Amino acid sequence: MENFGEFVVNHWVLWTLFFGLLALLIGSTVSAGLGGGVVVNTTKAIQLVNQQKGVFIDIRDKAAFEKEHIADSLNMPLSTFTDGSATLKDTSKPVIIVPTVGQATTTVVKHLQESGVSDVYILKGGLNTWKEAKLPLFS
């Protein structure tokens, strides 16, 4: 223990990286615990729909939705959540949010949870991941 200070000084880059990664890990854990929704891949999303009658909610705008979308998905653009007009009839089913890459889902997750939906999921990578997996799209 007498050389610990010297070790820290000599390896300051490693310590900086360690604490940076630790902060990222803690931050992602806290945000997930604060109702950030559970991020799922395409396989898990399909299982939720097939086994638990889950519902895909596509939060892209109407034009993008009409161009291509997942079968039986509902189009509820992000704007309907920000203005409070989004409503879901059956809140007992799991909901899988389909965003575009980089689209904020925090508002959507919060609104759905406040509306009584207990199982909210986010499709990792959104529709791009769905396309990369070569899963069917409809227009």
C-alpha atoms as a PDB file:
ATOM      1  CA  MET A   1       0.000   0.000   0.000  1.00  0.00           C
ATOM      2  CA  GLU A   2       2.971   2.317   0.477  1.00  0.00           C
ATOM      3  CA  ASN A   3       3.523   2.513  -3.305  1.00  0.00           C
ATOM      4  CA  PHE A   4      -0.143   3.041  -4.208  1.00  0.00           C
ATOM      5  CA  GLY A   5       0.226   6.805  -4.694  1.00  0.00           C
ATOM      6  CA  GLU A   6       3.218   6.302  -6.940  1.00  0.00           C
ATOM      7  CA  PHE A   7       1.302   3.679  -8.942  1.00  0.00           C
ATOM      8  CA  VAL A   8      -1.610   6.069  -9.444  1.00  0.00           C
ATOM      9  CA  VAL A   9       0.681   8.886 -10.586  1.00  0.00           C
ATOM     10  CA  ASN A  10       2.610   6.631 -12.974  1.00  0.00           C
ATOM     11  CA  HIS A  11      -0.549   5.140 -14.474  1.00  0.00           C
ATOM     12  CA  TRP A  12      -2.875   8.135 -14.499  1.00  0.00           C
ATOM     13  CA  VAL A  13      -4.208   7.273 -17.986  1.00  0.00           C
ATOM     14  CA  LEU A  14      -5.407   3.866 -16.808  1.00  0.00           C
ATOM     15  CA  TRP A  15      -7.084   5.416 -13.762  1.00  0.00           C
ATOM     16  CA  THR A  16      -8.796   8.044 -15.919  1.00  0.00           C
ATOM     17  CA  LEU A  17     -10.123   5.355 -18.252  1.00  0.00           C
ATOM     18  CA  PHE A  18     -11.232   3.212 -15.321  1.00  0.00           C
ATOM     19  CA  PHE A  19     -13.233   6.001 -13.695  1.00  0.00           C
ATOM     20  CA  GLY A  20     -14.666   7.103 -17.048  1.00  0.00           C
ATOM     21  CA  LEU A  21     -15.933   3.584 -17.792  1.00  0.00           C
ATOM     22  CA  LEU A  22     -17.228   3.241 -14.257  1.00  0.00           C
ATOM     23  CA  ALA A  23     -19.197   6.488 -14.642  1.00  0.00           C
ATOM     24  CA  LEU A  24     -20.690   5.281 -17.953  1.00  0.00           C
ATOM     25  CA  LEU A  25     -21.684   1.965 -16.402  1.00  0.00           C
ATOM     26  CA  ILE A  26     -23.321   3.623 -13.413  1.00  0.00           C
ATOM     27  CA  GLY A  27     -25.067   6.174 -15.651  1.00  0.00           C
ATOM     28  CA  SER A  28     -26.559   3.537 -17.957  1.00  0.00           C
ATOM     29  CA  THR A  29     -27.698   1.429 -15.005  1.00  0.00           C
ATOM     30  CA  VAL A  30     -29.354   4.400 -13.314  1.00  0.00           C
ATOM     31  CA  SER A  31     -31.100   5.567 -16.502  1.00  0.00           C
ATOM     32  CA  ALA A  32     -32.456   2.068 -17.156  1.00  0.00           C
ATOM     33  CA  GLY A  33     -33.735   1.922 -13.591  1.00  0.00           C
ATOM     34  CA  LEU A  34     -35.476   5.279 -13.920  1.00  0.00           C
ATOM     35  CA  GLY A  35     -37.960   4.008 -16.473  1.00  0.00           C
ATOM     36  CA  GLY A  36     -35.891   4.263 -19.620  1.00  0.00           C
ATOM     37  CA  GLY A  37     -37.502   1.183 -21.130  1.00  0.00           C
ATOM     38  CA  VAL A  38     -35.745  -2.092 -21.807  1.00  0.00           C
ATOM     39  CA  VAL A  39     -33.728  -2.227 -25.011  1.00  0.00           C
ATOM     40  CA  VAL A  40     -34.339  -5.452 -26.956  1.00  0.00           C
ATOM     41  CA  ASN A  41     -33.023  -6.952 -30.173  1.00  0.00           C
ATOM     42  CA  THR A  42     -35.209  -8.150 -33.055  1.00  0.00           C
ATOM     43  CA  THR A  43     -35.386 -11.733 -31.778  1.00  0.00           C
ATOM     44  CA  LYS A  44     -36.672 -10.680 -28.352  1.00  0.00           C
ATOM     45  CA  ALA A  45     -39.124  -8.225 -29.961  1.00  0.00           C
ATOM     46  CA  ILE A  46     -40.580 -10.982 -32.143  1.00  0.00           C
ATOM     47  CA  GLN A  47     -40.882 -13.260 -29.098  1.00  0.00           C
ATOM     48  CA  LEU A  48     -42.767 -10.524 -27.208  1.00  0.00           C
ATOM     49  CA  VAL A  49     -45.224 -10.140 -30.084  1.00  0.00           C
ATOM     50  CA  ASN A  50     -45.716 -13.873 -30.690  1.00  0.00           C
ATOM     51  CA  GLN A  51     -45.810 -15.102 -27.096  1.00  0.00           C
ATOM     52  CA  GLN A  52     -47.271 -12.156 -25.179  1.00  0.00           C
ATOM     53  CA  LYS A  53     -49.281 -10.428 -27.937  1.00  0.00           C
ATOM     54  CA  GLY A  54     -46.968  -7.410 -27.836  1.00  0.00           C
ATOM     55  CA  VAL A  55     -47.555  -4.369 -30.021  1.00  0.00           C
ATOM     56  CA  PHE A  56     -45.051  -2.474 -32.150  1.00  0.00           C
ATOM     57  CA  ILE A  57     -45.446   1.314 -31.939  1.00  0.00           C
ATOM     58  CA  ASP A  58     -43.617   3.118 -34.728  1.00  0.00           C
ATOM     59  CA  ILE A  59     -42.833   6.659 -33.579  1.00  0.00           C
ATOM     60  CA  ARG A  60     -41.576   7.897 -36.949  1.00  0.00           C
ATOM     61  CA  ASP A  61     -43.613  10.466 -38.868  1.00  0.00           C
ATOM     62  CA  LYS A  62     -46.553   9.358 -41.005  1.00  0.00           C
ATOM     63  CA  ALA A  63     -44.736   9.679 -44.350  1.00  0.00           C
ATOM     64  CA  ALA A  64     -41.865   7.431 -43.206  1.00  0.00           C
ATOM     65  CA  PHE A  65     -44.353   4.954 -41.737  1.00  0.00           C
ATOM     66  CA  GLU A  66     -46.362   4.751 -44.974  1.00  0.00           C
ATOM     67  CA  LYS A  67     -43.180   4.177 -46.965  1.00  0.00           C
ATOM     68  CA  GLU A  68     -42.266   1.092 -44.900  1.00  0.00           C
ATOM     69  CA  HIS A  69     -43.174  -0.374 -41.524  1.00  0.00           C
ATOM     70  CA  ILE A  70     -43.317  -3.586 -39.514  1.00  0.00           C
ATOM     71  CA  ALA A  71     -46.485  -5.638 -40.043  1.00  0.00           C
ATOM     72  CA  ASP A  72     -49.337  -4.775 -37.677  1.00  0.00           C
ATOM     73  CA  SER A  73     -47.383  -1.919 -36.109  1.00  0.00           C
ATOM     74  CA  LEU A  74     -49.194   1.211 -34.983  1.00  0.00           C
ATOM     75  CA  ASN A  75     -48.032   4.625 -36.138  1.00  0.00           C
ATOM     76  CA  MET A  76     -47.917   7.068 -33.259  1.00  0.00           C
ATOM     77  CA  PRO A  77     -45.444   9.809 -34.222  1.00  0.00           C
ATOM     78  CA  LEU A  78     -43.239  11.298 -31.536  1.00  0.00           C
ATOM     79  CA  SER A  79     -45.241  14.543 -31.771  1.00  0.00           C
ATOM     80  CA  THR A  80     -48.373  12.774 -30.480  1.00  0.00           C
ATOM     81  CA  PHE A  81     -46.508  11.939 -27.287  1.00  0.00           C
ATOM     82  CA  THR A  82     -45.075  15.405 -26.789  1.00  0.00           C
ATOM     83  CA  ASP A  83     -48.480  17.092 -27.216  1.00  0.00           C
ATOM     84  CA  GLY A  84     -50.247  14.451 -25.082  1.00  0.00           C
ATOM     85  CA  SER A  85     -52.643  13.217 -27.770  1.00  0.00           C
ATOM     86  CA  ALA A  86     -51.269   9.661 -27.929  1.00  0.00           C
ATOM     87  CA  THR A  87     -53.591   7.027 -26.483  1.00  0.00           C
ATOM     88  CA  LEU A  88     -53.341   3.262 -26.403  1.00  0.00           C
ATOM     89  CA  LYS A  89     -56.496   1.157 -26.026  1.00  0.00           C
ATOM     90  CA  ASP A  90     -54.994  -1.928 -24.389  1.00  0.00           C
ATOM     91  CA  THR A  91     -52.333  -1.106 -21.810  1.00  0.00           C
ATOM     92  CA  SER A  92     -51.974  -4.700 -20.611  1.00  0.00           C
ATOM     93  CA  LYS A  93     -49.896  -5.793 -23.621  1.00  0.00           C
ATOM     94  CA  PRO A  94     -46.145  -5.265 -23.918  1.00  0.00           C
ATOM     95  CA  VAL A  95     -45.214  -2.344 -26.176  1.00  0.00           C
ATOM     96  CA  ILE A  96     -42.135  -2.299 -28.386  1.00  0.00           C
ATOM     97  CA  ILE A  97     -41.144   1.205 -29.518  1.00  0.00           C
ATOM     98  CA  VAL A  98     -39.688   1.409 -33.036  1.00  0.00           C
ATOM     99  CA  PRO A  99     -37.656   4.621 -33.321  1.00  0.00           C
ATOM    100  CA  THR A 100     -35.330   5.906 -36.002  1.00  0.00           C
ATOM    101  CA  VAL A 101     -31.698   5.875 -35.005  1.00  0.00           C
ATOM    102  CA  GLY A 102     -30.993   8.720 -32.632  1.00  0.00           C
ATOM    103  CA  GLN A 103     -34.667   9.475 -31.975  1.00  0.00           C
ATOM    104  CA  ALA A 104     -35.323  10.212 -28.311  1.00  0.00           C
ATOM    105  CA  THR A 105     -37.586   7.628 -26.709  1.00  0.00           C
ATOM    106  CA  THR A 106     -37.563   8.926 -23.122  1.00  0.00           C
ATOM    107  CA  THR A 107     -40.738  10.995 -23.642  1.00  0.00           C
ATOM    108  CA  VAL A 108     -42.538   8.046 -25.240  1.00  0.00           C
ATOM    109  CA  VAL A 109     -41.525   5.609 -22.498  1.00  0.00           C
ATOM    110  CA  LYS A 110     -42.562   8.051 -19.778  1.00  0.00           C
ATOM    111  CA  HIS A 111     -45.945   8.729 -21.427  1.00  0.00           C
ATOM    112  CA  LEU A 112     -46.679   5.020 -21.912  1.00  0.00           C
ATOM    113  CA  GLN A 113     -45.755   4.179 -18.333  1.00  0.00           C
ATOM    114  CA  GLU A 114     -47.928   7.020 -17.023  1.00  0.00           C
ATOM    115  CA  SER A 115     -50.762   5.660 -19.195  1.00  0.00           C
ATOM    116  CA  GLY A 116     -50.557   2.292 -17.434  1.00  0.00           C
ATOM    117  CA  VAL A 117     -48.300   0.273 -19.752  1.00  0.00           C
ATOM    118  CA  SER A 118     -45.991  -1.679 -17.472  1.00  0.00           C
ATOM    119  CA  ASP A 119     -43.908  -3.485 -20.110  1.00  0.00           C
ATOM    120  CA  VAL A 120     -42.228  -0.952 -22.398  1.00  0.00           C
ATOM    121  CA  TYR A 121     -39.417  -2.049 -24.677  1.00  0.00           C
ATOM    122  CA  ILE A 122     -37.304  -0.223 -27.253  1.00  0.00           C
ATOM    123  CA  LEU A 123     -36.172  -1.970 -30.436  1.00  0.00           C
ATOM    124  CA  LYS A 124     -32.400  -1.544 -30.484  1.00  0.00           C
ATOM    125  CA  GLY A 125     -31.411   0.284 -33.668  1.00  0.00           C
ATOM    126  CA  GLY A 126     -35.052   0.784 -34.628  1.00  0.00           C
ATOM    127  CA  LEU A 127     -36.173  -0.019 -38.147  1.00  0.00           C
ATOM    128  CA  ASN A 128     -32.582  -0.142 -39.412  1.00  0.00           C
ATOM    129  CA  THR A 129     -31.889  -3.201 -37.251  1.00  0.00           C
ATOM    130  CA  TRP A 130     -35.108  -4.781 -38.524  1.00  0.00           C
ATOM    131  CA  LYS A 131     -33.939  -4.235 -42.127  1.00  0.00           C
ATOM    132  CA  GLU A 132     -30.438  -5.548 -41.414  1.00  0.00           C
ATOM    133  CA  ALA A 133     -31.996  -8.744 -40.043  1.00  0.00           C
ATOM    134  CA  LYS A 134     -33.839  -9.020 -43.384  1.00  0.00           C
ATOM    135  CA  LEU A 135     -37.209  -9.183 -41.644  1.00  0.00           C
ATOM    136  CA  PRO A 136     -40.344  -8.295 -43.641  1.00  0.00           C
ATOM    137  CA  LEU A 137     -41.546  -4.735 -44.072  1.00  0.00           C
ATOM    138  CA  PHE A 138     -44.846  -3.528 -45.482  1.00  0.00           C
ATOM    139  CA  SER A 139     -45.848  -0.358 -47.266  1.00  0.00           C
END
